[in-house]
Protein backbone atom coordinates (compact mmCIF):
# COMPACT_ATOMS: atom_id res chain seq x y z
CA UNK A 1 -8.51 3.40 -3.31
CA UNK A 2 -4.97 1.66 -4.48
CA UNK A 3 -4.36 -0.56 -2.16
CA UNK A 4 -0.46 -0.35 -3.04
CA UNK A 5 0.67 -3.07 -0.45
CA UNK A 6 -1.51 -5.72 -1.70
CA UNK A 7 0.07 -4.89 -5.34
CA UNK A 8 3.98 -5.99 -3.68
CA UNK A 9 2.18 -8.65 -2.33
CA UNK A 10 3.47 -6.95 0.91
CA UNK A 11 1.52 -5.92 4.70
CA UNK A 12 1.32 -2.47 6.49
CA UNK A 13 4.78 -3.60 8.39
CA UNK A 14 6.91 -4.05 5.41
CA UNK A 15 10.36 -2.50 5.00
CA UNK A 16 12.09 -0.60 2.37
CA UNK A 17 14.33 -3.84 1.67
CA UNK A 18 10.79 -5.98 1.76
CA UNK A 19 9.93 -2.78 -0.47
CA UNK A 20 12.73 -2.97 -2.12
CA UNK A 21 12.95 -7.01 -2.76
CA UNK A 22 9.17 -7.43 -3.75
CA UNK A 23 9.59 -4.25 -6.20
CA UNK A 24 12.74 -6.00 -7.85
CA UNK A 25 11.36 -9.43 -8.25
CA UNK A 26 7.38 -8.50 -9.41
CA UNK A 27 8.76 -5.54 -11.93
CA UNK A 28 11.57 -8.00 -12.93
CA UNK A 29 7.81 -10.89 -13.63
CA UNK A 30 5.83 -8.59 -14.95
CA UNK A 31 7.71 -6.57 -17.58
CA UNK A 32 5.69 -6.40 -20.76
CA UNK A 33 9.44 -7.35 -22.33
CA UNK A 34 9.17 -10.51 -20.53
CA UNK A 35 5.60 -11.16 -20.38
CA UNK A 36 2.89 -11.53 -22.74
CA UNK A 37 -0.13 -11.35 -20.64
CA UNK A 38 -2.20 -9.26 -21.94
CA UNK A 39 -2.50 -8.07 -18.62
CA UNK A 40 1.23 -7.28 -18.18
CA UNK A 41 1.32 -3.87 -18.86
CA UNK A 42 -0.99 -2.95 -16.35
CA UNK A 43 0.53 -5.11 -13.65
CA UNK A 44 3.97 -3.64 -14.25
CA UNK A 45 2.04 0.06 -14.03
CA UNK A 46 0.74 -0.94 -10.42
CA UNK A 47 4.08 -2.62 -9.47
CA UNK A 48 5.53 0.81 -10.60
CA UNK A 49 3.18 3.06 -8.79
CA UNK A 50 3.61 1.25 -5.63
CA UNK A 51 6.71 1.24 -5.18
CA UNK A 52 6.85 5.30 -6.09
CA UNK A 53 4.78 5.53 -2.97
CA UNK A 54 5.65 3.07 -0.75
CA UNK A 55 9.82 3.65 -1.21
CA UNK A 56 9.96 7.38 -0.60
CA UNK A 57 9.17 8.00 3.22
CA UNK A 58 6.97 11.12 2.65
CA UNK A 59 4.37 9.72 0.30
CA UNK A 60 4.68 6.18 2.23
CA UNK A 61 3.55 8.39 5.48
CA UNK A 62 0.55 10.99 3.63
CA UNK A 63 -0.51 7.44 1.87
CA UNK A 64 -0.37 5.17 4.94
CA UNK A 65 -2.32 7.87 7.01
CA UNK A 66 -5.13 8.66 4.48
CA UNK A 67 -5.81 4.26 4.65
CA UNK A 68 -6.12 4.37 8.39
CA UNK A 69 -8.66 7.31 7.58
CA UNK A 70 -10.35 4.98 5.58
CA UNK A 71 -10.48 1.76 7.31
CA UNK A 72 -8.40 -0.11 5.30
CA UNK A 73 -5.73 -1.25 8.38
CA UNK A 74 -7.93 -2.16 10.51
CA UNK A 75 -11.77 -1.27 10.92
CA UNK A 76 -12.75 -2.42 14.34
CA UNK A 77 -9.17 -0.20 15.92
CA UNK A 78 -10.10 2.81 13.99
CA UNK A 79 -13.19 2.77 14.56
CA UNK A 80 -12.26 2.15 18.29
CA UNK A 81 -10.44 5.10 18.17
CA UNK A 82 -13.09 7.20 16.36
CA UNK A 83 -15.40 6.73 19.04
CA UNK A 84 -13.30 7.30 21.45
CA UNK A 85 -11.60 10.36 20.62
CA UNK A 86 -15.39 11.77 20.14
CA UNK A 87 -17.09 10.35 23.07
CA UNK A 88 -14.71 11.41 25.87
CA UNK A 89 -15.47 15.44 25.15
CA UNK A 90 -19.43 14.27 26.23
CA UNK A 91 -19.50 12.24 28.96
């Protein structure tokens, strides 16, 4: 799973303004017309993809839900919630 927050250099608490600012800076830096690095096109696409997901509220919510399910944000807290939900009915 691609980590869109790290592609933009942000954490999951970033605001829409933070996302837009990071996108503008990174898109400018990695644009293939401005950057001759062989990895520039791939990095530019990753930045574009991250922005498309994180700038749309519905897509971002689905992405964040998936991150939580995959233990990307906080593995300890997620595991605690999973085990509590599992053990409460049994006890």
